[in-house]
PDB file of N, CA and C in Angstrom:
ATOM      1  N   UNK A   1      -4.959 -11.426 -26.585  1.00  0.00           N
ATOM      2  CA  UNK A   1      -4.159 -10.305 -26.113  1.00  0.00           C
ATOM      3  C   UNK A   1      -3.295 -10.047 -27.886  1.00  0.00           C
ATOM      4  N   UNK A   2      -2.925  -9.107 -28.247  1.00  0.00           N
ATOM      5  CA  UNK A   2      -2.999  -8.560 -29.233  1.00  0.00           C
ATOM      6  C   UNK A   2      -1.678  -8.152 -28.793  1.00  0.00           C
ATOM      7  N   UNK A   3      -0.765  -8.257 -29.986  1.00  0.00           N
ATOM      8  CA  UNK A   3       1.165  -7.730 -29.557  1.00  0.00           C
ATOM      9  C   UNK A   3       1.082  -6.304 -28.765  1.00  0.00           C
ATOM     10  N   UNK A   4       0.433  -5.388 -29.652  1.00  0.00           N
ATOM     11  CA  UNK A   4      -0.022  -3.901 -29.435  1.00  0.00           C
ATOM     12  C   UNK A   4       0.370  -3.736 -28.242  1.00  0.00           C
ATOM     13  N   UNK A   5      -1.480  -4.368 -27.489  1.00  0.00           N
ATOM     14  CA  UNK A   5      -1.296  -4.289 -25.965  1.00  0.00           C
ATOM     15  C   UNK A   5      -0.213  -5.027 -24.890  1.00  0.00           C
ATOM     16  N   UNK A   6       0.333  -6.095 -25.718  1.00  0.00           N
ATOM     17  CA  UNK A   6       1.069  -6.389 -24.479  1.00  0.00           C
ATOM     18  C   UNK A   6       2.715  -5.709 -24.642  1.00  0.00           C
ATOM     19  N   UNK A   7       2.816  -4.742 -25.821  1.00  0.00           N
ATOM     20  CA  UNK A   7       3.743  -3.555 -25.861  1.00  0.00           C
ATOM     21  C   UNK A   7       4.035  -2.516 -25.385  1.00  0.00           C
ATOM     22  N   UNK A   8       2.671  -2.086 -24.236  1.00  0.00           N
ATOM     23  CA  UNK A   8       2.884  -1.284 -23.619  1.00  0.00           C
ATOM     24  C   UNK A   8       3.398  -1.574 -22.130  1.00  0.00           C
ATOM     25  N   UNK A   9       3.033  -2.539 -21.990  1.00  0.00           N
ATOM     26  CA  UNK A   9       3.348  -3.394 -20.561  1.00  0.00           C
ATOM     27  C   UNK A   9       5.058  -3.875 -20.556  1.00  0.00           C
ATOM     28  N   UNK A  10       5.803  -3.539 -19.790  1.00  0.00           N
ATOM     29  CA  UNK A  10       7.246  -3.774 -19.678  1.00  0.00           C
ATOM     30  C   UNK A  10       7.153  -4.322 -17.857  1.00  0.00           C
ATOM     31  N   UNK A  11       8.487  -4.996 -17.541  1.00  0.00           N
ATOM     32  CA  UNK A  11       8.449  -5.449 -16.248  1.00  0.00           C
ATOM     33  C   UNK A  11      10.421  -4.953 -15.816  1.00  0.00           C
ATOM     34  N   UNK A  12       9.769  -4.382 -14.743  1.00  0.00           N
ATOM     35  CA  UNK A  12      10.695  -4.309 -14.070  1.00  0.00           C
ATOM     36  C   UNK A  12      11.854  -4.317 -13.483  1.00  0.00           C
ATOM     37  N   UNK A  13      12.962  -4.352 -12.882  1.00  0.00           N
ATOM     38  CA  UNK A  13      13.960  -5.266 -12.461  1.00  0.00           C
ATOM     39  C   UNK A  13      13.405  -6.375 -11.628  1.00  0.00           C
ATOM     40  N   UNK A  14      12.529  -5.915 -11.222  1.00  0.00           N
ATOM     41  CA  UNK A  14      12.043  -6.557  -9.459  1.00  0.00           C
ATOM     42  C   UNK A  14      10.665  -7.367 -10.515  1.00  0.00           C
ATOM     43  N   UNK A  15      10.868  -7.745 -11.457  1.00  0.00           N
ATOM     44  CA  UNK A  15       9.495  -8.448 -12.451  1.00  0.00           C
ATOM     45  C   UNK A  15       8.119  -7.728 -12.102  1.00  0.00           C
ATOM     46  N   UNK A  16       8.011  -6.470 -11.675  1.00  0.00           N
ATOM     47  CA  UNK A  16       6.745  -5.991 -11.944  1.00  0.00           C
ATOM     48  C   UNK A  16       6.099  -5.281 -12.865  1.00  0.00           C
ATOM     49  N   UNK A  17       4.702  -5.376 -13.511  1.00  0.00           N
ATOM     50  CA  UNK A  17       4.603  -4.951 -14.295  1.00  0.00           C
ATOM     51  C   UNK A  17       4.728  -3.455 -14.364  1.00  0.00           C
ATOM     52  N   UNK A  18       4.842  -2.618 -15.620  1.00  0.00           N
ATOM     53  CA  UNK A  18       3.978  -0.822 -15.685  1.00  0.00           C
ATOM     54  C   UNK A  18       3.691  -0.797 -16.965  1.00  0.00           C
ATOM     55  N   UNK A  19       3.221   0.106 -16.947  1.00  0.00           N
ATOM     56  CA  UNK A  19       2.991   0.306 -17.961  1.00  0.00           C
ATOM     57  C   UNK A  19       4.012   1.523 -18.714  1.00  0.00           C
ATOM     58  N   UNK A  20       3.842   1.428 -19.765  1.00  0.00           N
ATOM     59  CA  UNK A  20       5.377   2.007 -20.707  1.00  0.00           C
ATOM     60  C   UNK A  20       4.645   2.590 -21.881  1.00  0.00           C
ATOM     61  N   UNK A  21       4.988   4.570 -21.607  1.00  0.00           N
ATOM     62  CA  UNK A  21       4.678   4.930 -22.528  1.00  0.00           C
ATOM     63  C   UNK A  21       5.631   5.849 -23.481  1.00  0.00           C
ATOM     64  N   UNK A  22       6.466   5.388 -24.153  1.00  0.00           N
ATOM     65  CA  UNK A  22       7.809   6.343 -24.608  1.00  0.00           C
ATOM     66  C   UNK A  22       7.558   8.277 -24.576  1.00  0.00           C
ATOM     67  N   UNK A  23       8.188   8.899 -23.974  1.00  0.00           N
ATOM     68  CA  UNK A  23       7.622  10.043 -24.059  1.00  0.00           C
ATOM     69  C   UNK A  23       8.581  10.218 -25.734  1.00  0.00           C
ATOM     70  N   UNK A  24       8.157  11.239 -25.860  1.00  0.00           N
ATOM     71  CA  UNK A  24       8.799  12.346 -28.050  1.00  0.00           C
ATOM     72  C   UNK A  24      10.128  12.786 -27.004  1.00  0.00           C
ATOM     73  N   UNK A  25      11.055  12.791 -28.127  1.00  0.00           N
ATOM     74  CA  UNK A  25      12.217  13.407 -27.821  1.00  0.00           C
ATOM     75  C   UNK A  25      12.252  15.007 -27.176  1.00  0.00           C
ATOM     76  N   UNK A  26      10.532  15.623 -27.725  1.00  0.00           N
ATOM     77  CA  UNK A  26      10.328  16.819 -27.639  1.00  0.00           C
ATOM     78  C   UNK A  26      10.124  17.054 -26.016  1.00  0.00           C
ATOM     79  N   UNK A  27       9.503  15.803 -25.819  1.00  0.00           N
ATOM     80  CA  UNK A  27       9.310  15.737 -24.147  1.00  0.00           C
ATOM     81  C   UNK A  27       9.860  15.999 -23.298  1.00  0.00           C
ATOM     82  N   UNK A  28      11.262  14.489 -24.319  1.00  0.00           N
ATOM     83  CA  UNK A  28      12.110  14.593 -22.936  1.00  0.00           C
ATOM     84  C   UNK A  28      12.930  15.813 -22.812  1.00  0.00           C
ATOM     85  N   UNK A  29      13.040  16.273 -23.998  1.00  0.00           N
ATOM     86  CA  UNK A  29      14.250  18.049 -23.701  1.00  0.00           C
ATOM     87  C   UNK A  29      13.432  19.140 -22.959  1.00  0.00           C
ATOM     88  N   UNK A  30      12.177  18.640 -22.916  1.00  0.00           N
ATOM     89  CA  UNK A  30      11.185  19.791 -22.077  1.00  0.00           C
ATOM     90  C   UNK A  30      11.215  19.295 -20.404  1.00  0.00           C
ATOM     91  N   UNK A  31      11.519  18.103 -19.778  1.00  0.00           N
ATOM     92  CA  UNK A  31      11.124  16.999 -18.607  1.00  0.00           C
ATOM     93  C   UNK A  31      12.335  17.593 -17.688  1.00  0.00           C
ATOM     94  N   UNK A  32      11.294  17.923 -16.982  1.00  0.00           N
ATOM     95  CA  UNK A  32      12.774  17.994 -15.750  1.00  0.00           C
ATOM     96  C   UNK A  32      13.560  17.108 -15.807  1.00  0.00           C
ATOM     97  N   UNK A  33      14.489  17.353 -14.614  1.00  0.00           N
ATOM     98  CA  UNK A  33      15.542  16.195 -14.167  1.00  0.00           C
ATOM     99  C   UNK A  33      14.651  15.298 -13.200  1.00  0.00           C
ATOM    100  N   UNK A  34      15.292  13.970 -13.127  1.00  0.00           N
ATOM    101  CA  UNK A  34      14.820  13.230 -11.834  1.00  0.00           C
ATOM    102  C   UNK A  34      14.333  13.672 -11.277  1.00  0.00           C
ATOM    103  N   UNK A  35      15.806  14.411 -10.275  1.00  0.00           N
ATOM    104  CA  UNK A  35      15.463  14.697  -8.861  1.00  0.00           C
ATOM    105  C   UNK A  35      14.568  15.942  -9.157  1.00  0.00           C
ATOM    106  N   UNK A  36      14.346  17.082  -9.851  1.00  0.00           N
ATOM    107  CA  UNK A  36      13.432  17.712 -10.121  1.00  0.00           C
ATOM    108  C   UNK A  36      11.851  17.244  -9.834  1.00  0.00           C
ATOM    109  N   UNK A  37      11.680  16.576 -11.001  1.00  0.00           N
ATOM    110  CA  UNK A  37       9.969  15.616 -10.744  1.00  0.00           C
ATOM    111  C   UNK A  37      10.267  15.395  -9.611  1.00  0.00           C
ATOM    112  N   UNK A  38      10.666  14.562  -9.128  1.00  0.00           N
ATOM    113  CA  UNK A  38      10.362  13.902  -7.625  1.00  0.00           C
ATOM    114  C   UNK A  38      10.162  14.483  -6.324  1.00  0.00           C
ATOM    115  N   UNK A  39      10.698  15.728  -6.575  1.00  0.00           N
ATOM    116  CA  UNK A  39      10.405  16.718  -5.525  1.00  0.00           C
ATOM    117  C   UNK A  39       9.524  17.159  -5.655  1.00  0.00           C
ATOM    118  N   UNK A  40       9.057  17.618  -7.002  1.00  0.00           N
ATOM    119  CA  UNK A  40       7.766  18.629  -7.527  1.00  0.00           C
ATOM    120  C   UNK A  40       6.786  17.575  -7.253  1.00  0.00           C
ATOM    121  N   UNK A  41       7.185  15.892  -7.405  1.00  0.00           N
ATOM    122  CA  UNK A  41       6.004  14.805  -6.872  1.00  0.00           C
ATOM    123  C   UNK A  41       6.035  15.274  -5.969  1.00  0.00           C
ATOM    124  N   UNK A  42       6.544  14.961  -4.670  1.00  0.00           N
ATOM    125  CA  UNK A  42       6.664  14.858  -3.168  1.00  0.00           C
ATOM    126  C   UNK A  42       5.186  16.026  -2.811  1.00  0.00           C
ATOM    127  N   UNK A  43       5.301  17.366  -3.597  1.00  0.00           N
ATOM    128  CA  UNK A  43       5.111  18.153  -3.197  1.00  0.00           C
ATOM    129  C   UNK A  43       3.591  18.128  -3.488  1.00  0.00           C
ATOM    130  N   UNK A  44       3.506  17.386  -4.514  1.00  0.00           N
ATOM    131  CA  UNK A  44       1.477  17.410  -5.215  1.00  0.00           C
ATOM    132  C   UNK A  44       1.495  16.162  -4.126  1.00  0.00           C
ATOM    133  N   UNK A  45       2.062  15.904  -3.846  1.00  0.00           N
ATOM    134  CA  UNK A  45       1.129  14.526  -2.387  1.00  0.00           C
ATOM    135  C   UNK A  45       0.981  14.794  -1.585  1.00  0.00           C
ATOM    136  N   UNK A  46       2.175  16.112  -1.140  1.00  0.00           N
ATOM    137  CA  UNK A  46       2.163  16.432   0.247  1.00  0.00           C
ATOM    138  C   UNK A  46       0.622  17.315   0.113  1.00  0.00           C
ATOM    139  N   UNK A  47       0.147  18.535  -1.057  1.00  0.00           N
ATOM    140  CA  UNK A  47      -0.910  19.309  -1.148  1.00  0.00           C
ATOM    141  C   UNK A  47      -1.249  18.223  -1.378  1.00  0.00           C
ATOM    142  N   UNK A  48      -2.192  17.497  -1.525  1.00  0.00           N
ATOM    143  CA  UNK A  48      -3.392  16.371  -1.785  1.00  0.00           C
ATOM    144  C   UNK A  48      -3.747  15.629  -0.604  1.00  0.00           C
ATOM    145  N   UNK A  49      -3.250  15.664   0.072  1.00  0.00           N
ATOM    146  CA  UNK A  49      -2.834  14.837   1.134  1.00  0.00           C
ATOM    147  C   UNK A  49      -3.540  15.790   2.604  1.00  0.00           C
ATOM    148  N   UNK A  50      -2.928  17.206   2.342  1.00  0.00           N
ATOM    149  CA  UNK A  50      -3.719  17.891   3.049  1.00  0.00           C
ATOM    150  C   UNK A  50      -5.062  18.055   3.672  1.00  0.00           C
ATOM    151  N   UNK A  51      -5.667  17.999   2.752  1.00  0.00           N
ATOM    152  CA  UNK A  51      -6.872  17.889   2.525  1.00  0.00           C
ATOM    153  C   UNK A  51      -7.943  18.963   2.603  1.00  0.00           C
ATOM    154  N   UNK A  52      -7.170  20.561   2.728  1.00  0.00           N
ATOM    155  CA  UNK A  52      -7.689  21.185   2.362  1.00  0.00           C
ATOM    156  C   UNK A  52      -8.334  21.835   0.562  1.00  0.00           C
ATOM    157  N   UNK A  53      -7.692  20.694  -0.071  1.00  0.00           N
ATOM    158  CA  UNK A  53      -8.008  21.487  -1.524  1.00  0.00           C
ATOM    159  C   UNK A  53      -9.465  21.058  -2.287  1.00  0.00           C
ATOM    160  N   UNK A  54     -10.012  22.180  -2.844  1.00  0.00           N
ATOM    161  CA  UNK A  54     -11.227  21.782  -3.550  1.00  0.00           C
ATOM    162  C   UNK A  54     -10.642  20.606  -4.313  1.00  0.00           C
ATOM    163  N   UNK A  55     -12.364  19.880  -5.000  1.00  0.00           N
ATOM    164  CA  UNK A  55     -12.185  18.655  -6.140  1.00  0.00           C
ATOM    165  C   UNK A  55     -10.933  19.146  -7.053  1.00  0.00           C
ATOM    166  N   UNK A  56     -11.897  20.309  -7.766  1.00  0.00           N
ATOM    167  CA  UNK A  56     -11.319  20.880  -8.922  1.00  0.00           C
ATOM    168  C   UNK A  56      -9.486  20.530  -8.825  1.00  0.00           C
ATOM    169  N   UNK A  57      -9.327  21.491  -7.994  1.00  0.00           N
ATOM    170  CA  UNK A  57      -7.302  21.264  -7.291  1.00  0.00           C
ATOM    171  C   UNK A  57      -7.333  19.892  -7.402  1.00  0.00           C
ATOM    172  N   UNK A  58      -7.662  19.153  -6.497  1.00  0.00           N
ATOM    173  CA  UNK A  58      -7.533  18.170  -6.330  1.00  0.00           C
ATOM    174  C   UNK A  58      -7.179  17.570  -7.603  1.00  0.00           C
ATOM    175  N   UNK A  59      -8.732  17.588  -8.519  1.00  0.00           N
ATOM    176  CA  UNK A  59      -7.853  16.613  -9.923  1.00  0.00           C
ATOM    177  C   UNK A  59      -6.842  17.768 -10.465  1.00  0.00           C
ATOM    178  N   UNK A  60      -6.687  18.593 -10.936  1.00  0.00           N
ATOM    179  CA  UNK A  60      -5.190  19.267 -11.814  1.00  0.00           C
ATOM    180  C   UNK A  60      -4.097  18.060 -10.910  1.00  0.00           C
ATOM    181  N   UNK A  61      -4.221  18.482  -9.911  1.00  0.00           N
ATOM    182  CA  UNK A  61      -2.753  17.780  -9.012  1.00  0.00           C
ATOM    183  C   UNK A  61      -2.697  16.361  -9.147  1.00  0.00           C
ATOM    184  N   UNK A  62      -3.756  15.659  -9.348  1.00  0.00           N
ATOM    185  CA  UNK A  62      -3.808  14.462  -9.974  1.00  0.00           C
ATOM    186  C   UNK A  62      -3.129  14.396 -11.215  1.00  0.00           C
ATOM    187  N   UNK A  63      -3.730  15.064 -11.863  1.00  0.00           N
ATOM    188  CA  UNK A  63      -3.545  15.482 -13.290  1.00  0.00           C
ATOM    189  C   UNK A  63      -1.683  15.616 -13.737  1.00  0.00           C
ATOM    190  N   UNK A  64      -0.968  16.885 -12.479  1.00  0.00           N
ATOM    191  CA  UNK A  64       0.040  17.007 -12.262  1.00  0.00           C
ATOM    192  C   UNK A  64       1.055  15.974 -11.719  1.00  0.00           C
ATOM    193  N   UNK A  65       0.282  15.269 -10.938  1.00  0.00           N
ATOM    194  CA  UNK A  65       1.156  14.254 -10.089  1.00  0.00           C
ATOM    195  C   UNK A  65       1.142  12.744 -11.262  1.00  0.00           C
ATOM    196  N   UNK A  66       0.281  12.772 -12.206  1.00  0.00           N
ATOM    197  CA  UNK A  66       0.376  11.196 -13.172  1.00  0.00           C
ATOM    198  C   UNK A  66       1.560  11.465 -13.978  1.00  0.00           C
ATOM    199  N   UNK A  67       1.804  13.001 -14.514  1.00  0.00           N
ATOM    200  CA  UNK A  67       2.588  13.470 -15.572  1.00  0.00           C
ATOM    201  C   UNK A  67       4.466  13.259 -14.920  1.00  0.00           C
ATOM    202  N   UNK A  68       4.484  13.543 -13.518  1.00  0.00           N
ATOM    203  CA  UNK A  68       5.236  13.455 -12.979  1.00  0.00           C
ATOM    204  C   UNK A  68       5.894  11.981 -12.784  1.00  0.00           C
ATOM    205  N   UNK A  69       5.397  11.261 -12.348  1.00  0.00           N
ATOM    206  CA  UNK A  69       5.731   9.459 -12.123  1.00  0.00           C
ATOM    207  C   UNK A  69       5.820   9.324 -13.675  1.00  0.00           C
ATOM    208  N   UNK A  70       5.313   9.336 -14.844  1.00  0.00           N
ATOM    209  CA  UNK A  70       5.430   9.406 -16.097  1.00  0.00           C
ATOM    210  C   UNK A  70       6.687   9.278 -16.370  1.00  0.00           C
ATOM    211  N   UNK A  71       7.287  10.942 -16.188  1.00  0.00           N
ATOM    212  CA  UNK A  71       8.609  11.735 -16.031  1.00  0.00           C
ATOM    213  C   UNK A  71       9.808  10.804 -15.385  1.00  0.00           C
ATOM    214  N   UNK A  72       9.042  10.661 -14.455  1.00  0.00           N
ATOM    215  CA  UNK A  72      10.112   9.207 -13.356  1.00  0.00           C
ATOM    216  C   UNK A  72      10.623   8.690 -14.054  1.00  0.00           C
ATOM    217  N   UNK A  73       9.552   7.672 -13.771  1.00  0.00           N
ATOM    218  CA  UNK A  73       9.650   5.997 -14.873  1.00  0.00           C
ATOM    219  C   UNK A  73      10.130   6.027 -15.729  1.00  0.00           C
ATOM    220  N   UNK A  74      10.570   7.094 -16.774  1.00  0.00           N
ATOM    221  CA  UNK A  74      10.928   7.068 -17.618  1.00  0.00           C
ATOM    222  C   UNK A  74      12.385   6.947 -17.662  1.00  0.00           C
ATOM    223  N   UNK A  75      12.659   7.834 -16.957  1.00  0.00           N
ATOM    224  CA  UNK A  75      14.435   8.527 -16.208  1.00  0.00           C
ATOM    225  C   UNK A  75      15.013   7.212 -15.729  1.00  0.00           C
ATOM    226  N   UNK A  76      14.540   6.530 -14.810  1.00  0.00           N
ATOM    227  CA  UNK A  76      14.596   5.325 -14.177  1.00  0.00           C
ATOM    228  C   UNK A  76      14.375   4.118 -14.872  1.00  0.00           C
ATOM    229  N   UNK A  77      14.060   4.026 -16.214  1.00  0.00           N
ATOM    230  CA  UNK A  77      13.710   3.193 -17.587  1.00  0.00           C
ATOM    231  C   UNK A  77      15.274   3.390 -18.206  1.00  0.00           C
ATOM    232  N   UNK A  78      15.393   4.545 -18.367  1.00  0.00           N
ATOM    233  CA  UNK A  78      16.762   5.129 -19.477  1.00  0.00           C
ATOM    234  C   UNK A  78      18.100   4.379 -18.346  1.00  0.00           C
ATOM    235  N   UNK A  79      17.460   4.732 -17.004  1.00  0.00           N
ATOM    236  CA  UNK A  79      19.214   4.604 -16.384  1.00  0.00           C
ATOM    237  C   UNK A  79      19.230   2.779 -15.727  1.00  0.00           C
ATOM    238  N   UNK A  80      18.001   2.387 -16.145  1.00  0.00           N
ATOM    239  CA  UNK A  80      18.578   1.132 -16.103  1.00  0.00           C
ATOM    240  C   UNK A  80      18.647   0.298 -17.198  1.00  0.00           C
ATOM    241  N   UNK A  81      18.000   0.409 -18.442  1.00  0.00           N
ATOM    242  CA  UNK A  81      18.962   0.281 -19.419  1.00  0.00           C
ATOM    243  C   UNK A  81      20.618   1.044 -19.792  1.00  0.00           C
ATOM    244  N   UNK A  82      20.979   2.303 -19.134  1.00  0.00           N
ATOM    245  CA  UNK A  82      22.310   2.068 -19.255  1.00  0.00           C
ATOM    246  C   UNK A  82      23.288   1.244 -18.211  1.00  0.00           C
ATOM    247  N   UNK A  83      22.909   1.327 -17.484  1.00  0.00           N
ATOM    248  CA  UNK A  83      23.137  -0.137 -16.188  1.00  0.00           C
ATOM    249  C   UNK A  83      23.525  -0.977 -17.128  1.00  0.00           C
ATOM    250  N   UNK A  84      22.402  -1.582 -17.775  1.00  0.00           N
ATOM    251  CA  UNK A  84      22.727  -2.925 -18.250  1.00  0.00           C
ATOM    252  C   UNK A  84      23.407  -2.635 -19.307  1.00  0.00           C
ATOM    253  N   UNK A  85      23.832  -1.929 -19.495  1.00  0.00           N
ATOM    254  CA  UNK A  85      24.708  -1.914 -20.940  1.00  0.00           C
ATOM    255  C   UNK A  85      26.445  -2.076 -20.822  1.00  0.00           C
ATOM    256  N   UNK A  86      26.292  -1.312 -19.430  1.00  0.00           N
ATOM    257  CA  UNK A  86      27.618  -1.614 -18.706  1.00  0.00           C
ATOM    258  C   UNK A  86      28.446  -3.127 -19.319  1.00  0.00           C
ATOM    259  N   UNK A  87      29.853  -2.637 -20.007  1.00  0.00           N
ATOM    260  CA  UNK A  87      30.697  -4.164 -20.254  1.00  0.00           C
ATOM    261  C   UNK A  87      31.815  -3.967 -19.999  1.00  0.00           C
ATOM    262  N   UNK A  88      32.922  -4.550 -20.183  1.00  0.00           N
ATOM    263  CA  UNK A  88      34.105  -4.926 -19.857  1.00  0.00           C
ATOM    264  C   UNK A  88      34.521  -4.698 -20.864  1.00  0.00           C
ATOM    265  N   UNK A  89      35.600  -3.785 -21.611  1.00  0.00           N
ATOM    266  CA  UNK A  89      36.526  -3.712 -22.451  1.00  0.00           C
ATOM    267  C   UNK A  89      37.524  -4.645 -22.528  1.00  0.00           C
ATOM    268  N   UNK A  90      38.757  -4.891 -23.284  1.00  0.00           N
ATOM    269  CA  UNK A  90      39.442  -5.855 -23.361  1.00  0.00           C
ATOM    270  C   UNK A  90      40.386  -5.625 -22.327  1.00  0.00           C
ATOM    271  N   UNK A  91      40.796  -4.804 -21.640  1.00  0.00           N
ATOM    272  CA  UNK A  91      41.746  -4.426 -20.487  1.00  0.00           C
ATOM    273  C   UNK A  91      40.793  -4.839 -19.389  1.00  0.00           C
ATOM    274  N   UNK A  92      39.312  -5.194 -19.159  1.00  0.00           N
ATOM    275  CA  UNK A  92      39.070  -5.858 -17.780  1.00  0.00           C
ATOM    276  C   UNK A  92      38.158  -4.547 -17.054  1.00  0.00           C
ATOM    277  N   UNK A  93      37.897  -3.527 -17.950  1.00  0.00           N
ATOM    278  CA  UNK A  93      37.875  -2.273 -17.575  1.00  0.00           C
ATOM    279  C   UNK A  93      36.221  -2.119 -18.205  1.00  0.00           C
ATOM    280  N   UNK A  94      35.153  -1.702 -16.597  1.00  0.00           N
ATOM    281  CA  UNK A  94      33.959  -1.201 -17.133  1.00  0.00           C
ATOM    282  C   UNK A  94      33.664   0.289 -17.692  1.00  0.00           C
ATOM    283  N   UNK A  95      33.011  -0.168 -19.031  1.00  0.00           N
ATOM    284  CA  UNK A  95      32.713   0.473 -19.689  1.00  0.00           C
ATOM    285  C   UNK A  95      31.633   0.818 -20.156  1.00  0.00           C
ATOM    286  N   UNK A  96      30.611   1.923 -20.603  1.00  0.00           N
ATOM    287  CA  UNK A  96      29.105   2.083 -20.960  1.00  0.00           C
ATOM    288  C   UNK A  96      29.353   2.190 -22.441  1.00  0.00           C
ATOM    289  N   UNK A  97      27.973   1.398 -22.984  1.00  0.00           N
ATOM    290  CA  UNK A  97      28.156   1.449 -24.792  1.00  0.00           C
ATOM    291  C   UNK A  97      26.969   2.449 -24.740  1.00  0.00           C
ATOM    292  N   UNK A  98      27.146   2.571 -26.185  1.00  0.00           N
ATOM    293  CA  UNK A  98      25.743   3.434 -26.282  1.00  0.00           C
ATOM    294  C   UNK A  98      24.923   3.186 -26.131  1.00  0.00           C
ATOM    295  N   UNK A  99      23.586   3.532 -25.334  1.00  0.00           N
ATOM    296  CA  UNK A  99      22.315   3.166 -25.468  1.00  0.00           C
ATOM    297  C   UNK A  99      21.674   3.508 -26.711  1.00  0.00           C
ATOM    298  N   UNK A 100      21.178   2.516 -27.515  1.00  0.00           N
ATOM    299  CA  UNK A 100      20.260   2.825 -28.830  1.00  0.00           C
ATOM    300  C   UNK A 100      18.905   2.706 -27.912  1.00  0.00           C
ATOM    301  N   UNK A 101      18.237   3.387 -27.839  1.00  0.00           N
ATOM    302  CA  UNK A 101      16.858   3.931 -27.300  1.00  0.00           C
ATOM    303  C   UNK A 101      16.266   3.977 -28.928  1.00  0.00           C
ATOM    304  N   UNK A 102      14.545   2.966 -29.319  1.00  0.00           N
ATOM    305  CA  UNK A 102      13.807   3.316 -30.272  1.00  0.00           C
ATOM    306  C   UNK A 102      13.421   5.148 -30.422  1.00  0.00           C
ATOM    307  N   UNK A 103      13.352   5.039 -31.770  1.00  0.00           N
ATOM    308  CA  UNK A 103      12.932   6.205 -31.985  1.00  0.00           C
ATOM    309  C   UNK A 103      11.445   6.671 -32.136  1.00  0.00           C
ATOM    310  N   UNK A 104      10.904   7.232 -31.523  1.00  0.00           N
ATOM    311  CA  UNK A 104       9.402   8.033 -31.547  1.00  0.00           C
ATOM    312  C   UNK A 104       9.316   8.484 -33.305  1.00  0.00           C
TER     313      UNK A 104
END
């Protein structure tokens, strides 16, 4: 197994594997907020579950849903990393250390 292949897969906080494809800075800037992406994803799922869509529309909805899942996963990974960066300062108060994300 090559190291490059392994780097595409990460473990979440529950030790479940997921495939990690970092978003570019431009994509992150254009990406909707987590709540907005999740709401759109729920709408996509409802539309697909209705059973009333033709195959081409289902495929388009699937692609849109996959894109929204990726956005949600990236936002959750960022949030988890921020939480992990919390530390106590000299006075014993919790503070957030700057998050250093790898550049794309």
